Amino acid sequence: MQNLENTQYFKVDSEPAHGAKAVLAAVYEALTEKGYNPVHQIVGYIMSGDPTYITSHKNARSMIMKVERDELVEELLTEYIHTKEWE
């Protein structure tokens, strides 16, 4: 059984040359060009791990599969926090 008294640490190493931010931008563009809702498709991929949520147009599926899903979530959350106007 897991010890719930301690905080777990989660750390992702620095971004590779084709980092999550660049991949998300390219995938977003490819999905938009093909007429898909990129937010829905990317969320579907992150939640399920099923690469068929991502189009193969412009090699988007191959690119996104090279980035760990937790890195994608980290990038999205980081960007959200940096742009959020706290009330």
Protein backbone atom coordinates (compact mmCIF):
# COMPACT_ATOMS: atom_id res chain seq x y z
CA MET A 1 0.00 0.00 0.00
CA GLN A 2 1.16 3.47 -0.84
CA ASN A 3 2.32 5.93 1.86
CA LEU A 4 -0.03 8.93 1.63
CA GLU A 5 1.91 10.98 4.19
CA ASN A 6 4.65 12.09 1.79
CA THR A 7 4.45 14.25 -1.31
CA GLN A 8 5.59 12.57 -4.50
CA TYR A 9 7.94 14.49 -6.78
CA PHE A 10 7.45 14.54 -10.51
CA LYS A 11 10.17 15.85 -12.77
CA VAL A 12 10.49 15.75 -16.52
CA ASP A 13 13.92 16.27 -18.03
CA SER A 14 14.53 19.30 -20.23
CA GLU A 15 12.85 19.45 -23.62
CA PRO A 16 14.46 17.60 -26.51
CA ALA A 17 15.27 19.39 -29.76
CA HIS A 18 11.72 18.77 -31.00
CA GLY A 19 10.11 19.74 -27.72
CA ALA A 20 6.51 19.43 -26.66
CA LYS A 21 5.73 23.07 -27.47
CA ALA A 22 6.88 22.81 -31.08
CA VAL A 23 5.16 19.46 -31.55
CA LEU A 24 1.88 20.76 -30.13
CA ALA A 25 2.01 23.76 -32.46
CA ALA A 26 2.66 21.59 -35.51
CA VAL A 27 -0.02 19.06 -34.57
CA TYR A 28 -2.52 21.85 -33.88
CA GLU A 29 -1.86 23.31 -37.33
CA ALA A 30 -2.18 19.94 -39.08
CA LEU A 31 -5.46 19.13 -37.30
CA THR A 32 -6.87 22.56 -38.13
CA GLU A 33 -5.91 22.19 -41.81
CA LYS A 34 -7.74 18.87 -41.97
CA GLY A 35 -10.88 20.40 -40.43
CA TYR A 36 -10.69 18.72 -37.01
CA ASN A 37 -11.21 20.44 -33.67
CA PRO A 38 -7.58 20.36 -32.48
CA VAL A 39 -8.42 20.75 -28.79
CA HIS A 40 -10.78 17.76 -28.81
CA GLN A 41 -8.38 15.62 -30.80
CA ILE A 42 -5.32 16.42 -28.66
CA VAL A 43 -7.28 15.83 -25.44
CA GLY A 44 -8.50 12.51 -26.84
CA TYR A 45 -4.94 11.49 -27.59
CA ILE A 46 -3.58 12.57 -24.19
CA MET A 47 -6.37 10.84 -22.27
CA SER A 48 -6.37 7.57 -24.21
CA GLY A 49 -2.90 7.27 -25.73
CA ASP A 50 -4.60 6.27 -28.99
CA PRO A 51 -2.62 7.88 -31.84
CA THR A 52 -5.57 7.67 -34.24
CA TYR A 53 -6.93 10.85 -32.62
CA ILE A 54 -4.13 12.66 -34.45
CA THR A 55 -4.07 13.01 -38.22
CA SER A 56 -1.12 11.72 -40.17
CA HIS A 57 -1.26 14.92 -42.26
CA LYS A 58 2.11 16.70 -42.19
CA ASN A 59 3.53 13.79 -40.16
CA ALA A 60 1.63 15.04 -37.07
CA ARG A 61 0.88 11.57 -35.68
CA SER A 62 4.49 10.49 -35.89
CA MET A 63 5.69 13.72 -34.24
CA ILE A 64 3.30 13.57 -31.31
CA MET A 65 4.11 9.93 -30.60
CA LYS A 66 7.77 10.89 -30.05
CA VAL A 67 6.81 13.07 -27.08
CA GLU A 68 5.66 11.50 -23.82
CA ARG A 69 2.05 12.35 -22.99
CA ASP A 70 3.04 13.66 -19.55
CA GLU A 71 5.35 16.14 -21.29
CA LEU A 72 2.45 17.35 -23.41
CA VAL A 73 0.32 17.86 -20.30
CA GLU A 74 3.17 19.66 -18.56
CA GLU A 75 3.62 22.02 -21.52
CA LEU A 76 -0.09 22.77 -21.74
CA LEU A 77 -0.39 23.41 -18.01
CA THR A 78 2.74 25.57 -17.94
CA GLU A 79 1.46 27.69 -20.82
CA TYR A 80 -1.94 28.02 -19.18
CA ILE A 81 -0.44 29.13 -15.87
CA HIS A 82 1.84 31.67 -17.58
CA THR A 83 -1.02 33.24 -19.53
CA LYS A 84 -3.70 33.06 -16.82
CA GLU A 85 -4.79 36.31 -15.24
CA TRP A 86 -5.39 35.28 -11.65
CA GLU A 87 -8.48 36.78 -10.15
